[in-house]
Structures are given as structure tokens and as C-alpha cells.
N, C-alpha and C. Protein backbone atom coordinates (compact mmCIF):
# COMPACT_ATOMS: atom_id res chain seq x y z
N UNK A 1 -15.55 -3.84 2.16
CA UNK A 1 -14.90 -4.95 1.49
C UNK A 1 -15.93 -6.03 1.19
N UNK A 2 -15.84 -6.55 0.03
CA UNK A 2 -16.74 -7.65 -0.35
C UNK A 2 -16.44 -8.87 0.50
N UNK A 3 -17.43 -9.73 0.68
CA UNK A 3 -17.23 -10.95 1.44
C UNK A 3 -16.32 -11.89 0.64
N UNK A 4 -15.08 -12.01 1.06
CA UNK A 4 -14.11 -12.82 0.34
C UNK A 4 -13.17 -13.43 1.36
N UNK A 5 -13.16 -14.75 1.42
CA UNK A 5 -12.30 -15.41 2.41
C UNK A 5 -10.83 -15.34 2.04
N UNK A 6 -10.52 -15.04 0.78
CA UNK A 6 -9.14 -14.91 0.35
C UNK A 6 -8.72 -13.44 0.46
N UNK A 7 -8.44 -13.03 1.67
CA UNK A 7 -8.12 -11.63 1.95
C UNK A 7 -6.79 -11.55 2.68
N UNK A 8 -5.94 -10.67 2.21
CA UNK A 8 -4.69 -10.37 2.88
C UNK A 8 -4.95 -9.18 3.79
N UNK A 9 -4.39 -9.21 4.99
CA UNK A 9 -4.56 -8.08 5.89
C UNK A 9 -3.25 -7.79 6.60
N UNK A 10 -2.88 -6.52 6.62
CA UNK A 10 -1.71 -6.04 7.35
C UNK A 10 -2.15 -4.81 8.13
N UNK A 11 -1.57 -4.61 9.29
CA UNK A 11 -1.97 -3.48 10.12
C UNK A 11 -0.79 -2.97 10.94
N UNK A 12 -0.91 -1.69 11.36
CA UNK A 12 0.16 -1.08 12.13
C UNK A 12 -0.35 0.15 12.86
N UNK A 13 0.11 0.34 14.08
CA UNK A 13 -0.11 1.58 14.83
C UNK A 13 0.91 2.60 14.35
N UNK A 14 0.42 3.78 13.99
CA UNK A 14 1.29 4.90 13.59
C UNK A 14 1.05 6.01 14.60
N UNK A 15 2.10 6.45 15.25
CA UNK A 15 1.98 7.47 16.29
C UNK A 15 1.96 8.88 15.70
N UNK A 16 0.94 9.10 14.90
CA UNK A 16 0.69 10.41 14.28
C UNK A 16 -0.82 10.56 14.13
N UNK A 17 -1.32 11.80 14.02
CA UNK A 17 -2.75 12.02 13.82
C UNK A 17 -3.22 11.43 12.49
N UNK A 18 -4.48 11.05 12.45
CA UNK A 18 -5.05 10.38 11.28
C UNK A 18 -4.91 11.22 10.02
N UNK A 19 -5.05 12.53 10.11
CA UNK A 19 -4.95 13.39 8.91
C UNK A 19 -3.56 13.26 8.28
N UNK A 20 -2.52 13.18 9.09
CA UNK A 20 -1.15 13.04 8.57
C UNK A 20 -0.95 11.68 7.91
N UNK A 21 -1.47 10.64 8.54
CA UNK A 21 -1.30 9.28 8.02
C UNK A 21 -2.09 9.11 6.73
N UNK A 22 -3.32 9.59 6.71
CA UNK A 22 -4.17 9.53 5.53
C UNK A 22 -3.50 10.25 4.36
N UNK A 23 -3.01 11.45 4.59
CA UNK A 23 -2.37 12.25 3.54
C UNK A 23 -1.12 11.56 2.99
N UNK A 24 -0.44 10.78 3.81
CA UNK A 24 0.75 10.07 3.35
C UNK A 24 0.42 9.08 2.23
N UNK A 25 -0.79 8.55 2.22
CA UNK A 25 -1.21 7.65 1.14
C UNK A 25 -1.83 8.41 -0.03
N UNK A 26 -2.40 9.57 0.20
CA UNK A 26 -3.05 10.36 -0.85
C UNK A 26 -2.02 11.08 -1.71
N UNK A 27 -0.99 11.62 -1.10
CA UNK A 27 -0.02 12.50 -1.77
C UNK A 27 1.25 11.73 -2.15
N UNK A 28 1.51 11.54 -3.44
CA UNK A 28 2.68 10.76 -3.85
C UNK A 28 4.02 11.39 -3.48
N UNK A 29 4.05 12.70 -3.21
CA UNK A 29 5.31 13.30 -2.78
C UNK A 29 5.69 12.84 -1.37
N UNK A 30 4.71 12.35 -0.62
CA UNK A 30 4.98 11.75 0.69
C UNK A 30 5.16 10.25 0.55
N UNK A 31 4.24 9.61 -0.20
CA UNK A 31 4.25 8.15 -0.33
C UNK A 31 5.58 7.65 -0.87
N UNK A 32 6.23 8.41 -1.73
CA UNK A 32 7.50 7.96 -2.34
C UNK A 32 8.60 7.71 -1.30
N UNK A 33 8.42 8.23 -0.10
CA UNK A 33 9.42 8.03 0.95
C UNK A 33 9.30 6.67 1.63
N UNK A 34 8.19 5.95 1.38
CA UNK A 34 8.05 4.65 2.05
C UNK A 34 7.47 3.56 1.15
N UNK A 35 7.10 3.88 -0.12
CA UNK A 35 6.49 2.84 -0.96
C UNK A 35 7.01 2.92 -2.37
N UNK A 36 6.26 3.53 -3.30
CA UNK A 36 6.70 3.62 -4.69
C UNK A 36 7.62 4.83 -4.86
N UNK A 37 8.33 4.88 -6.00
CA UNK A 37 9.25 5.98 -6.22
C UNK A 37 8.61 7.18 -6.91
N UNK A 38 7.52 6.93 -7.65
CA UNK A 38 6.87 8.02 -8.36
C UNK A 38 5.39 7.73 -8.52
N UNK A 39 4.56 8.73 -8.26
CA UNK A 39 3.13 8.64 -8.50
C UNK A 39 2.71 9.76 -9.43
N UNK A 40 1.81 9.46 -10.36
CA UNK A 40 1.45 10.46 -11.37
C UNK A 40 0.61 11.61 -10.81
N UNK A 41 -0.09 11.39 -9.71
CA UNK A 41 -0.93 12.45 -9.15
C UNK A 41 -1.45 12.01 -7.78
N UNK A 42 -2.06 12.96 -7.08
CA UNK A 42 -2.72 12.63 -5.81
C UNK A 42 -3.93 11.75 -6.08
N UNK A 43 -4.29 10.95 -5.09
CA UNK A 43 -5.47 10.10 -5.22
C UNK A 43 -6.74 10.92 -5.06
N UNK A 44 -7.65 10.72 -6.01
CA UNK A 44 -8.98 11.32 -5.97
C UNK A 44 -9.97 10.27 -6.42
N UNK A 45 -11.13 10.21 -5.79
CA UNK A 45 -12.14 9.21 -6.15
C UNK A 45 -12.48 9.30 -7.64
N UNK A 46 -12.50 8.15 -8.30
CA UNK A 46 -12.82 8.08 -9.71
C UNK A 46 -11.64 8.28 -10.64
N UNK A 47 -10.51 8.64 -10.10
CA UNK A 47 -9.33 8.94 -10.91
C UNK A 47 -8.43 7.71 -11.05
N UNK A 48 -7.76 7.62 -12.19
CA UNK A 48 -6.74 6.59 -12.38
C UNK A 48 -5.38 7.26 -12.34
N UNK A 49 -4.48 6.70 -11.54
CA UNK A 49 -3.12 7.21 -11.43
C UNK A 49 -2.15 6.06 -11.72
N UNK A 50 -0.91 6.41 -11.94
CA UNK A 50 0.15 5.42 -12.17
C UNK A 50 1.15 5.52 -11.03
N UNK A 51 1.45 4.39 -10.41
CA UNK A 51 2.51 4.31 -9.41
C UNK A 51 3.68 3.56 -10.04
N UNK A 52 4.89 4.07 -9.82
CA UNK A 52 6.09 3.47 -10.40
C UNK A 52 7.10 3.09 -9.32
N UNK A 53 7.74 1.95 -9.54
CA UNK A 53 8.88 1.50 -8.76
C UNK A 53 10.03 1.47 -9.74
N UNK A 54 10.69 2.63 -9.86
CA UNK A 54 11.68 2.81 -10.92
C UNK A 54 12.85 1.84 -10.82
N UNK A 55 13.25 1.45 -9.62
CA UNK A 55 14.39 0.54 -9.44
C UNK A 55 14.11 -0.85 -10.02
N UNK A 56 12.84 -1.20 -10.16
CA UNK A 56 12.44 -2.50 -10.70
C UNK A 56 11.85 -2.40 -12.11
N UNK A 57 11.75 -1.17 -12.64
CA UNK A 57 11.14 -0.94 -13.94
C UNK A 57 9.72 -1.51 -13.98
N UNK A 58 8.97 -1.24 -12.90
CA UNK A 58 7.60 -1.75 -12.74
C UNK A 58 6.68 -0.57 -12.46
N UNK A 59 5.47 -0.65 -13.01
CA UNK A 59 4.45 0.36 -12.69
C UNK A 59 3.11 -0.34 -12.54
N UNK A 60 2.19 0.35 -11.90
CA UNK A 60 0.84 -0.18 -11.71
C UNK A 60 -0.16 0.93 -11.97
N UNK A 61 -1.21 0.57 -12.71
CA UNK A 61 -2.33 1.47 -12.92
C UNK A 61 -3.26 1.29 -11.72
N UNK A 62 -3.62 2.40 -11.09
CA UNK A 62 -4.43 2.38 -9.87
C UNK A 62 -5.71 3.17 -10.11
N UNK A 63 -6.84 2.50 -9.99
CA UNK A 63 -8.14 3.16 -10.09
C UNK A 63 -8.64 3.42 -8.67
N UNK A 64 -8.88 4.68 -8.35
CA UNK A 64 -9.37 5.03 -7.02
C UNK A 64 -10.89 4.87 -7.02
N UNK A 65 -11.36 3.88 -6.29
CA UNK A 65 -12.79 3.56 -6.23
C UNK A 65 -13.55 4.49 -5.30
N UNK A 66 -12.94 4.80 -4.15
CA UNK A 66 -13.65 5.60 -3.15
C UNK A 66 -12.66 6.18 -2.16
N UNK A 67 -12.99 7.35 -1.66
CA UNK A 67 -12.21 7.98 -0.60
C UNK A 67 -13.17 8.56 0.43
N UNK A 68 -13.00 8.16 1.67
CA UNK A 68 -13.69 8.76 2.81
C UNK A 68 -12.60 9.44 3.63
N UNK A 69 -12.51 10.77 3.59
CA UNK A 69 -11.39 11.46 4.22
C UNK A 69 -11.12 10.98 5.65
N UNK A 70 -9.86 10.67 5.89
CA UNK A 70 -9.34 10.23 7.20
C UNK A 70 -9.94 8.92 7.69
N UNK A 71 -10.65 8.19 6.79
CA UNK A 71 -11.25 6.91 7.18
C UNK A 71 -10.86 5.76 6.25
N UNK A 72 -10.98 6.00 4.93
CA UNK A 72 -10.78 4.87 4.02
C UNK A 72 -10.39 5.35 2.62
N UNK A 73 -9.50 4.58 2.00
CA UNK A 73 -9.17 4.72 0.58
C UNK A 73 -9.38 3.34 -0.02
N UNK A 74 -10.18 3.25 -1.09
CA UNK A 74 -10.42 1.99 -1.78
C UNK A 74 -9.90 2.11 -3.21
N UNK A 75 -9.05 1.16 -3.61
CA UNK A 75 -8.49 1.18 -4.95
C UNK A 75 -8.64 -0.19 -5.60
N UNK A 76 -8.41 -0.19 -6.91
CA UNK A 76 -8.29 -1.42 -7.67
C UNK A 76 -6.99 -1.30 -8.44
N UNK A 77 -6.19 -2.37 -8.45
CA UNK A 77 -4.90 -2.31 -9.13
C UNK A 77 -4.45 -3.70 -9.53
N UNK A 78 -3.43 -3.73 -10.37
CA UNK A 78 -2.81 -4.99 -10.76
C UNK A 78 -3.42 -5.60 -11.99
N UNK A 79 -2.78 -6.67 -12.45
CA UNK A 79 -3.24 -7.42 -13.62
C UNK A 79 -3.01 -8.90 -13.35
N UNK A 80 -4.05 -9.63 -13.03
CA UNK A 80 -5.45 -9.22 -12.98
C UNK A 80 -5.73 -8.34 -11.76
N UNK A 81 -6.71 -7.48 -11.89
CA UNK A 81 -6.99 -6.48 -10.86
C UNK A 81 -7.48 -7.12 -9.56
N UNK A 82 -6.99 -6.57 -8.46
CA UNK A 82 -7.50 -6.89 -7.13
C UNK A 82 -7.87 -5.57 -6.46
N UNK A 83 -8.59 -5.68 -5.37
CA UNK A 83 -9.00 -4.49 -4.63
C UNK A 83 -8.18 -4.37 -3.36
N UNK A 84 -7.94 -3.12 -2.98
CA UNK A 84 -7.21 -2.82 -1.76
C UNK A 84 -7.96 -1.74 -1.01
N UNK A 85 -8.22 -1.98 0.28
CA UNK A 85 -8.81 -0.98 1.15
C UNK A 85 -7.77 -0.58 2.19
N UNK A 86 -7.55 0.72 2.30
CA UNK A 86 -6.70 1.29 3.35
C UNK A 86 -7.66 1.91 4.35
N UNK A 87 -7.66 1.41 5.57
CA UNK A 87 -8.59 1.90 6.58
C UNK A 87 -7.81 2.57 7.71
N UNK A 88 -8.33 3.70 8.17
CA UNK A 88 -7.65 4.53 9.16
C UNK A 88 -8.58 4.72 10.36
N UNK A 89 -8.07 4.42 11.54
CA UNK A 89 -8.87 4.54 12.76
C UNK A 89 -8.12 5.38 13.78
N UNK A 90 -8.74 6.44 14.26
CA UNK A 90 -8.15 7.27 15.30
C UNK A 90 -8.32 6.57 16.64
N UNK A 91 -7.23 6.43 17.36
CA UNK A 91 -7.27 5.82 18.69
C UNK A 91 -7.47 6.90 19.75
N UNK A 92 -7.79 6.50 20.95
CA UNK A 92 -8.11 7.46 22.02
C UNK A 92 -6.95 8.40 22.34
N UNK A 93 -5.72 7.98 22.09
CA UNK A 93 -4.56 8.84 22.36
C UNK A 93 -4.22 9.76 21.19
N UNK A 94 -5.05 9.74 20.13
CA UNK A 94 -4.82 10.60 18.97
C UNK A 94 -3.94 9.98 17.90
N UNK A 95 -3.44 8.79 18.16
CA UNK A 95 -2.65 8.08 17.16
C UNK A 95 -3.56 7.35 16.19
N UNK A 96 -2.97 6.71 15.18
CA UNK A 96 -3.76 6.12 14.10
C UNK A 96 -3.43 4.64 13.94
N UNK A 97 -4.45 3.83 13.76
CA UNK A 97 -4.30 2.42 13.45
C UNK A 97 -4.69 2.23 11.99
N UNK A 98 -3.73 1.75 11.19
CA UNK A 98 -3.94 1.56 9.76
C UNK A 98 -4.09 0.07 9.48
N UNK A 99 -5.11 -0.28 8.71
CA UNK A 99 -5.31 -1.65 8.25
C UNK A 99 -5.39 -1.62 6.73
N UNK A 100 -4.62 -2.50 6.09
CA UNK A 100 -4.67 -2.64 4.64
C UNK A 100 -5.22 -4.02 4.34
N UNK A 101 -6.27 -4.06 3.50
CA UNK A 101 -6.89 -5.33 3.10
C UNK A 101 -6.82 -5.44 1.58
N UNK A 102 -6.30 -6.55 1.11
CA UNK A 102 -6.19 -6.83 -0.34
C UNK A 102 -7.00 -8.09 -0.62
N UNK A 103 -7.91 -8.01 -1.60
CA UNK A 103 -8.82 -9.12 -1.86
C UNK A 103 -9.26 -9.12 -3.33
N UNK A 104 -9.99 -10.16 -3.72
CA UNK A 104 -10.47 -10.28 -5.08
C UNK A 104 -9.51 -11.03 -5.98
N UNK A 105 -8.73 -11.92 -5.39
CA UNK A 105 -7.76 -12.70 -6.16
C UNK A 105 -8.47 -13.73 -7.03
N UNK A 106 -7.95 -13.94 -8.24
CA UNK A 106 -8.55 -14.91 -9.15
C UNK A 106 -7.79 -16.24 -9.17
N UNK A 107 -6.85 -16.40 -8.28
CA UNK A 107 -6.00 -17.60 -8.24
C UNK A 107 -6.59 -18.65 -7.31
N UNK A 108 -6.08 -19.87 -7.46
CA UNK A 108 -6.44 -20.96 -6.55
C UNK A 108 -5.17 -21.76 -6.24
N UNK A 109 -5.26 -22.62 -5.24
CA UNK A 109 -4.17 -23.53 -4.92
C UNK A 109 -2.86 -22.83 -4.62
N UNK A 110 -1.76 -23.41 -5.12
CA UNK A 110 -0.43 -22.86 -4.86
C UNK A 110 -0.26 -21.46 -5.42
N UNK A 111 -0.88 -21.16 -6.55
CA UNK A 111 -0.79 -19.82 -7.14
C UNK A 111 -1.42 -18.79 -6.20
N UNK A 112 -2.54 -19.14 -5.55
CA UNK A 112 -3.17 -18.24 -4.59
C UNK A 112 -2.28 -18.06 -3.37
N UNK A 113 -1.69 -19.14 -2.89
CA UNK A 113 -0.77 -19.03 -1.74
C UNK A 113 0.39 -18.11 -2.06
N UNK A 114 0.94 -18.21 -3.27
CA UNK A 114 2.07 -17.36 -3.66
C UNK A 114 1.68 -15.88 -3.68
N UNK A 115 0.53 -15.56 -4.25
CA UNK A 115 0.11 -14.16 -4.33
C UNK A 115 -0.25 -13.63 -2.94
N UNK A 116 -0.85 -14.44 -2.10
CA UNK A 116 -1.16 -14.02 -0.73
C UNK A 116 0.13 -13.77 0.06
N UNK A 117 1.09 -14.65 -0.10
CA UNK A 117 2.39 -14.47 0.59
C UNK A 117 3.06 -13.17 0.13
N UNK A 118 3.08 -12.93 -1.18
CA UNK A 118 3.72 -11.74 -1.72
C UNK A 118 3.00 -10.47 -1.26
N UNK A 119 1.68 -10.49 -1.30
CA UNK A 119 0.90 -9.33 -0.90
C UNK A 119 1.02 -9.05 0.60
N UNK A 120 0.98 -10.10 1.41
CA UNK A 120 1.13 -9.92 2.86
C UNK A 120 2.49 -9.30 3.19
N UNK A 121 3.54 -9.86 2.61
CA UNK A 121 4.88 -9.32 2.85
C UNK A 121 5.02 -7.90 2.34
N UNK A 122 4.46 -7.63 1.17
CA UNK A 122 4.56 -6.30 0.59
C UNK A 122 3.87 -5.24 1.42
N UNK A 123 2.62 -5.50 1.81
CA UNK A 123 1.90 -4.49 2.58
C UNK A 123 2.44 -4.34 3.99
N UNK A 124 2.99 -5.39 4.56
CA UNK A 124 3.65 -5.27 5.86
C UNK A 124 4.87 -4.37 5.74
N UNK A 125 5.63 -4.55 4.67
CA UNK A 125 6.81 -3.72 4.43
C UNK A 125 6.41 -2.25 4.23
N UNK A 126 5.32 -2.01 3.50
CA UNK A 126 4.83 -0.65 3.31
C UNK A 126 4.51 0.00 4.65
N UNK A 127 3.80 -0.71 5.51
CA UNK A 127 3.43 -0.14 6.81
C UNK A 127 4.64 0.08 7.71
N UNK A 128 5.62 -0.81 7.64
CA UNK A 128 6.85 -0.62 8.41
C UNK A 128 7.57 0.65 7.95
N UNK A 129 7.65 0.83 6.63
CA UNK A 129 8.28 2.03 6.09
C UNK A 129 7.52 3.30 6.43
N UNK A 130 6.19 3.23 6.37
CA UNK A 130 5.35 4.36 6.75
C UNK A 130 5.61 4.78 8.19
N UNK A 131 5.67 3.80 9.08
CA UNK A 131 5.90 4.07 10.49
C UNK A 131 7.25 4.79 10.71
N UNK A 132 8.29 4.25 10.10
CA UNK A 132 9.63 4.85 10.24
C UNK A 132 9.64 6.28 9.69
N UNK A 133 9.02 6.47 8.54
CA UNK A 133 9.05 7.80 7.92
C UNK A 133 8.22 8.82 8.70
N UNK A 134 6.97 8.49 9.03
CA UNK A 134 6.13 9.47 9.70
C UNK A 134 6.54 9.72 11.15
N UNK A 135 6.94 8.67 11.86
CA UNK A 135 7.28 8.85 13.27
C UNK A 135 8.69 9.38 13.50
N UNK A 136 9.62 9.04 12.60
CA UNK A 136 11.02 9.38 12.84
C UNK A 136 11.70 10.12 11.69
N UNK A 137 10.98 10.35 10.58
CA UNK A 137 11.56 11.06 9.45
C UNK A 137 12.63 10.28 8.72
N UNK A 138 12.59 8.95 8.85
CA UNK A 138 13.62 8.10 8.25
C UNK A 138 13.03 7.34 7.06
N UNK A 139 13.69 7.43 5.91
CA UNK A 139 13.34 6.62 4.76
C UNK A 139 14.25 5.40 4.82
N UNK A 140 13.69 4.26 5.19
CA UNK A 140 14.48 3.04 5.37
C UNK A 140 14.83 2.33 4.06
N UNK A 141 14.30 2.80 2.93
CA UNK A 141 14.53 2.16 1.63
C UNK A 141 14.11 0.69 1.63
N UNK A 142 13.05 0.37 2.36
CA UNK A 142 12.63 -1.02 2.50
C UNK A 142 12.20 -1.63 1.17
N UNK A 143 11.46 -0.89 0.36
CA UNK A 143 10.99 -1.44 -0.91
C UNK A 143 12.16 -1.65 -1.85
N UNK A 144 13.04 -0.68 -1.95
CA UNK A 144 14.22 -0.81 -2.83
C UNK A 144 15.13 -1.95 -2.38
N UNK A 145 15.23 -2.16 -1.08
CA UNK A 145 16.14 -3.19 -0.56
C UNK A 145 15.51 -4.58 -0.50
N UNK A 146 14.23 -4.69 -0.77
CA UNK A 146 13.55 -5.98 -0.68
C UNK A 146 14.03 -6.97 -1.74
N UNK A 147 14.34 -6.45 -2.94
CA UNK A 147 14.78 -7.31 -4.05
C UNK A 147 16.05 -6.74 -4.69
N UNK A 148 17.19 -6.76 -4.00
CA UNK A 148 18.42 -6.23 -4.62
C UNK A 148 18.81 -7.07 -5.84
N UNK A 149 19.30 -6.40 -6.88
CA UNK A 149 19.63 -7.07 -8.14
C UNK A 149 20.52 -8.28 -7.96
N UNK A 150 21.48 -8.19 -7.07
CA UNK A 150 22.43 -9.28 -6.87
C UNK A 150 21.80 -10.53 -6.25
N UNK A 151 20.66 -10.36 -5.59
CA UNK A 151 20.04 -11.46 -4.86
C UNK A 151 18.86 -12.10 -5.59
N UNK A 152 18.06 -11.28 -6.26
CA UNK A 152 16.83 -11.81 -6.85
C UNK A 152 16.38 -10.92 -7.99
N UNK A 153 15.81 -11.52 -9.03
CA UNK A 153 15.26 -10.77 -10.15
C UNK A 153 13.80 -10.45 -9.84
N UNK A 154 13.41 -9.20 -9.99
CA UNK A 154 12.04 -8.78 -9.75
C UNK A 154 11.63 -7.79 -10.81
N UNK A 155 10.42 -7.88 -11.30
CA UNK A 155 9.94 -6.95 -12.31
C UNK A 155 10.47 -7.32 -13.68
N UNK A 156 10.58 -6.32 -14.53
CA UNK A 156 11.01 -6.58 -15.92
C UNK A 156 12.51 -6.50 -16.06
């Protein structure tokens, strides 16, 4: 990660082996159970994929910057683009500690606070959903339920 004091960080212990946790972010057929609803392809270094949140009519172009198997996934996404590092650490008991870092924001002041708040909440929700799905096989629908139509307008 570049030296940037404006960094969002979320983390979670997942009681599964690192290979399983890592693959959950690489393979969209798994990721759809805890984050986006559709991904155009598996993540590969140098590849651009599209992630969709169909319930919000929102999509994101994702450029995969780097992949270190079972250690790190680095992407760039959004408009304006920011960078996200997904880091995976095997603990002594064989479980995995995941840290997500989002940085490279071009905002300042209140606009920066808003994007940091949104990103922190979003990545925390992703990790909560990941934990429920991988450890217990439960899709909590956290992303879909975060912005119900009756409560708040989100996306297009």
C-alpha cells in the first residue's frame, strides 16, 4: 500500500483455511453470496472485471493490479478510482485474518469524511457477510438489506 494517511481499514477473523477465504474473493460464484450479485469473471492479475449489485442497478469496473496467492489481492476500482488491498494472514490455529485497506481518495474535508464513512461501513459489512457464509453457510443478505428501497435511495 502506498503511504497514504487517508486509508480505510476493516478486518475480521475467519475460521477457515486461508485458501478457502482467498478463493471466496477470487471466484465470483462464491463472492456473490456475501458481496456483489454478479461478477463477470474470476480475478486474475492484469484483468479487468465487472462487479454488479443488481438490486441497486450499480456496477463497478475492477482492475486487478496484483495477486499473491493466499496472501494479497490488489485492485483499483470506482470513479474516481481508489485502490483496495485484501490481505490474508494464516494464524497459528489454521484460521485466517483478513484485512481490507482502501486508499487513494481524491476528496478533502467533509467529502473525504463521507467517502471514508461509506467505505468503512461497506467493507465491514462485506467481512461480516463473508464470515457468516464461510463459517456457517448462511447468506445474510447484508448488502441487499443495507439500503432497502423503502428506507433510502442508493445507486441509480
